[in-house]
Amino acid sequence: MEQAENGFIHLNKKTQEEVTETMPPEEELQDLAEFFRVFGDPTRLKILYVLKCAEMCVLDIANLLSMTQSAISHQLRVLKQMDLVKNRREGKTIFYSLADSHIVTILSQGIDHIEE
C-alpha cells in the first residue's frame, strides 16, 4: 500500500493486478453467496450436523430434531438442490447423507471460528 498525497491510501499496481487476476467471475461469486446463504438457517445447520453423524431418513431426522417430517423434507430439498446432501433409496425409504467431506470441513471450520 502506498500513501497518497491527499492522505488517502491506495493500492500499488502489483496488488491491484493480483486482485484483478484472482477475483472469481461475477457468476461464481453469486453462486458462492447462494451457497453460504444456505448455511444461514439454523434448521438446515442442525440437519447437516445430524447427517455428519449418520445417514438418516426424514422420519429419524424429524424425531431427533423434534420437528415435523414436512419441515425436514422442505429443508432437505433445499440442501439437495445446493448439492450439500445426497440420497439413496432402500425400498420405500429414502436415506440422506452429506454430499461429500467438504461439508464436514465447512461445518467444523465454522464452529472453530465462532468458538475462538
C-alpha atoms as a PDB file:
ATOM      1  CA  MET A   1       0.000   0.000   0.000  1.00  0.00           C
ATOM      2  CA  GLU A   2       1.202   3.475  -0.755  1.00  0.00           C
ATOM      3  CA  GLN A   3       0.268   6.742   0.954  1.00  0.00           C
ATOM      4  CA  ALA A   4      -1.287   9.242  -1.434  1.00  0.00           C
ATOM      5  CA  GLU A   5      -0.519  12.955  -1.232  1.00  0.00           C
ATOM      6  CA  ASN A   6      -4.096  13.742  -0.252  1.00  0.00           C
ATOM      7  CA  GLY A   7      -3.914  11.416   2.781  1.00  0.00           C
ATOM      8  CA  PHE A   8      -5.870   8.545   1.243  1.00  0.00           C
ATOM      9  CA  ILE A   9      -4.338   5.099   0.955  1.00  0.00           C
ATOM     10  CA  HIS A  10      -4.379   3.486  -2.465  1.00  0.00           C
ATOM     11  CA  LEU A  11      -3.273   0.168  -3.811  1.00  0.00           C
ATOM     12  CA  ASN A  12       0.011  -0.216  -5.587  1.00  0.00           C
ATOM     13  CA  LYS A  13      -0.090  -1.569  -9.123  1.00  0.00           C
ATOM     14  CA  LYS A  14       1.137  -5.049  -8.137  1.00  0.00           C
ATOM     15  CA  THR A  15      -1.631  -5.514  -5.552  1.00  0.00           C
ATOM     16  CA  GLN A  16      -4.234  -4.166  -7.938  1.00  0.00           C
ATOM     17  CA  GLU A  17      -3.150  -6.641 -10.631  1.00  0.00           C
ATOM     18  CA  GLU A  18      -3.156  -9.532  -8.144  1.00  0.00           C
ATOM     19  CA  VAL A  19      -6.714  -8.750  -7.050  1.00  0.00           C
ATOM     20  CA  THR A  20      -7.881  -8.347 -10.641  1.00  0.00           C
ATOM     21  CA  GLU A  21      -6.279 -11.619 -11.735  1.00  0.00           C
ATOM     22  CA  THR A  22      -7.520 -13.711  -8.803  1.00  0.00           C
ATOM     23  CA  MET A  23     -11.058 -12.349  -8.376  1.00  0.00           C
ATOM     24  CA  PRO A  24     -13.561 -15.043  -9.411  1.00  0.00           C
ATOM     25  CA  PRO A  25     -16.065 -14.149 -12.146  1.00  0.00           C
ATOM     26  CA  GLU A  26     -19.304 -12.470 -11.029  1.00  0.00           C
ATOM     27  CA  GLU A  27     -21.356 -15.621 -11.700  1.00  0.00           C
ATOM     28  CA  GLU A  28     -19.118 -17.687  -9.400  1.00  0.00           C
ATOM     29  CA  LEU A  29     -19.372 -15.057  -6.666  1.00  0.00           C
ATOM     30  CA  GLN A  30     -23.178 -15.145  -6.970  1.00  0.00           C
ATOM     31  CA  ASP A  31     -23.121 -18.951  -6.681  1.00  0.00           C
ATOM     32  CA  LEU A  32     -20.822 -18.703  -3.651  1.00  0.00           C
ATOM     33  CA  ALA A  33     -23.122 -16.175  -1.979  1.00  0.00           C
ATOM     34  CA  GLU A  34     -26.078 -18.512  -2.563  1.00  0.00           C
ATOM     35  CA  PHE A  35     -24.051 -21.424  -1.186  1.00  0.00           C
ATOM     36  CA  PHE A  36     -23.275 -19.558   2.043  1.00  0.00           C
ATOM     37  CA  ARG A  37     -26.859 -18.317   2.312  1.00  0.00           C
ATOM     38  CA  VAL A  38     -27.948 -21.942   2.757  1.00  0.00           C
ATOM     39  CA  PHE A  39     -25.789 -22.116   5.893  1.00  0.00           C
ATOM     40  CA  GLY A  40     -27.657 -19.102   7.302  1.00  0.00           C
ATOM     41  CA  ASP A  41     -30.612 -21.169   8.510  1.00  0.00           C
ATOM     42  CA  PRO A  42     -30.330 -22.886  11.938  1.00  0.00           C
ATOM     43  CA  THR A  43     -32.651 -25.735  10.913  1.00  0.00           C
ATOM     44  CA  ARG A  44     -30.517 -26.561   7.884  1.00  0.00           C
ATOM     45  CA  LEU A  45     -27.393 -26.447  10.059  1.00  0.00           C
ATOM     46  CA  LYS A  46     -28.994 -28.862  12.530  1.00  0.00           C
ATOM     47  CA  ILE A  47     -29.832 -31.239   9.687  1.00  0.00           C
ATOM     48  CA  LEU A  48     -26.281 -31.043   8.365  1.00  0.00           C
ATOM     49  CA  TYR A  49     -24.900 -31.805  11.831  1.00  0.00           C
ATOM     50  CA  VAL A  50     -27.242 -34.780  12.181  1.00  0.00           C
ATOM     51  CA  LEU A  51     -26.112 -36.096   8.793  1.00  0.00           C
ATOM     52  CA  LYS A  52     -22.500 -35.508   9.765  1.00  0.00           C
ATOM     53  CA  CYS A  53     -23.022 -38.238  12.376  1.00  0.00           C
ATOM     54  CA  ALA A  54     -25.018 -40.728  10.340  1.00  0.00           C
ATOM     55  CA  GLU A  55     -27.087 -41.361   7.257  1.00  0.00           C
ATOM     56  CA  MET A  56     -30.784 -40.990   8.164  1.00  0.00           C
ATOM     57  CA  CYS A  57     -34.286 -40.947   6.770  1.00  0.00           C
ATOM     58  CA  VAL A  58     -36.665 -37.992   7.110  1.00  0.00           C
ATOM     59  CA  LEU A  59     -38.602 -39.623   9.959  1.00  0.00           C
ATOM     60  CA  ASP A  60     -35.469 -40.194  12.039  1.00  0.00           C
ATOM     61  CA  ILE A  61     -34.225 -36.639  11.457  1.00  0.00           C
ATOM     62  CA  ALA A  62     -37.645 -35.212  12.334  1.00  0.00           C
ATOM     63  CA  ASN A  63     -37.827 -37.249  15.551  1.00  0.00           C
ATOM     64  CA  LEU A  64     -34.273 -36.373  16.538  1.00  0.00           C
ATOM     65  CA  LEU A  65     -34.839 -32.638  15.997  1.00  0.00           C
ATOM     66  CA  SER A  66     -38.439 -32.632  17.315  1.00  0.00           C
ATOM     67  CA  MET A  67     -39.744 -31.235  14.045  1.00  0.00           C
ATOM     68  CA  THR A  68     -42.348 -32.271  11.505  1.00  0.00           C
ATOM     69  CA  GLN A  69     -41.444 -34.503   8.592  1.00  0.00           C
ATOM     70  CA  SER A  70     -42.780 -31.803   6.287  1.00  0.00           C
ATOM     71  CA  ALA A  71     -40.391 -29.180   7.692  1.00  0.00           C
ATOM     72  CA  ILE A  72     -37.437 -31.563   7.410  1.00  0.00           C
ATOM     73  CA  SER A  73     -38.381 -32.581   3.861  1.00  0.00           C
ATOM     74  CA  HIS A  74     -38.575 -28.938   2.804  1.00  0.00           C
ATOM     75  CA  GLN A  75     -35.108 -28.167   4.183  1.00  0.00           C
ATOM     76  CA  LEU A  76     -33.631 -31.360   2.728  1.00  0.00           C
ATOM     77  CA  ARG A  77     -34.937 -30.302  -0.677  1.00  0.00           C
ATOM     78  CA  VAL A  78     -33.029 -27.000  -0.353  1.00  0.00           C
ATOM     79  CA  LEU A  79     -29.880 -28.779   0.809  1.00  0.00           C
ATOM     80  CA  LYS A  80     -30.131 -31.276  -2.048  1.00  0.00           C
ATOM     81  CA  GLN A  81     -30.599 -28.508  -4.635  1.00  0.00           C
ATOM     82  CA  MET A  82     -27.365 -26.940  -3.381  1.00  0.00           C
ATOM     83  CA  ASP A  83     -25.572 -30.319  -3.562  1.00  0.00           C
ATOM     84  CA  LEU A  84     -24.927 -30.371   0.182  1.00  0.00           C
ATOM     85  CA  VAL A  85     -26.765 -33.647   0.744  1.00  0.00           C
ATOM     86  CA  LYS A  86     -27.363 -36.738  -1.352  1.00  0.00           C
ATOM     87  CA  ASN A  87     -29.889 -39.514  -1.004  1.00  0.00           C
ATOM     88  CA  ARG A  88     -30.366 -43.172  -1.742  1.00  0.00           C
ATOM     89  CA  ARG A  89     -33.486 -45.305  -1.797  1.00  0.00           C
ATOM     90  CA  GLU A  90     -33.848 -48.564   0.086  1.00  0.00           C
ATOM     91  CA  GLY A  91     -37.292 -49.968  -0.631  1.00  0.00           C
ATOM     92  CA  LYS A  92     -39.752 -47.177   0.151  1.00  0.00           C
ATOM     93  CA  THR A  93     -37.353 -45.330   2.441  1.00  0.00           C
ATOM     94  CA  ILE A  94     -35.018 -42.585   1.287  1.00  0.00           C
ATOM     95  CA  PHE A  95     -31.848 -42.115   3.299  1.00  0.00           C
ATOM     96  CA  TYR A  96     -29.939 -38.825   3.320  1.00  0.00           C
ATOM     97  CA  SER A  97     -26.253 -38.183   3.918  1.00  0.00           C
ATOM     98  CA  LEU A  98     -23.776 -35.363   3.390  1.00  0.00           C
ATOM     99  CA  ALA A  99     -22.749 -34.964  -0.230  1.00  0.00           C
ATOM    100  CA  ASP A 100     -19.014 -35.000   0.487  1.00  0.00           C
ATOM    101  CA  SER A 101     -16.275 -34.326   3.023  1.00  0.00           C
ATOM    102  CA  HIS A 102     -16.146 -30.623   2.116  1.00  0.00           C
ATOM    103  CA  ILE A 103     -19.388 -30.098   4.038  1.00  0.00           C
ATOM    104  CA  VAL A 104     -17.845 -31.596   7.189  1.00  0.00           C
ATOM    105  CA  THR A 105     -14.856 -29.287   6.763  1.00  0.00           C
ATOM    106  CA  ILE A 106     -17.052 -26.197   6.339  1.00  0.00           C
ATOM    107  CA  LEU A 107     -19.101 -27.067   9.433  1.00  0.00           C
ATOM    108  CA  SER A 108     -16.013 -27.830  11.517  1.00  0.00           C
ATOM    109  CA  GLN A 109     -14.188 -24.679  10.476  1.00  0.00           C
ATOM    110  CA  GLY A 110     -17.299 -22.575  11.111  1.00  0.00           C
ATOM    111  CA  ILE A 111     -17.606 -23.914  14.658  1.00  0.00           C
ATOM    112  CA  ASP A 112     -13.867 -23.486  15.257  1.00  0.00           C
ATOM    113  CA  HIS A 113     -14.143 -19.879  14.124  1.00  0.00           C
ATOM    114  CA  ILE A 114     -17.036 -18.905  16.395  1.00  0.00           C
ATOM    115  CA  GLU A 115     -15.546 -20.736  19.397  1.00  0.00           C
ATOM    116  CA  GLU A 116     -12.272 -18.757  19.216  1.00  0.00           C
END
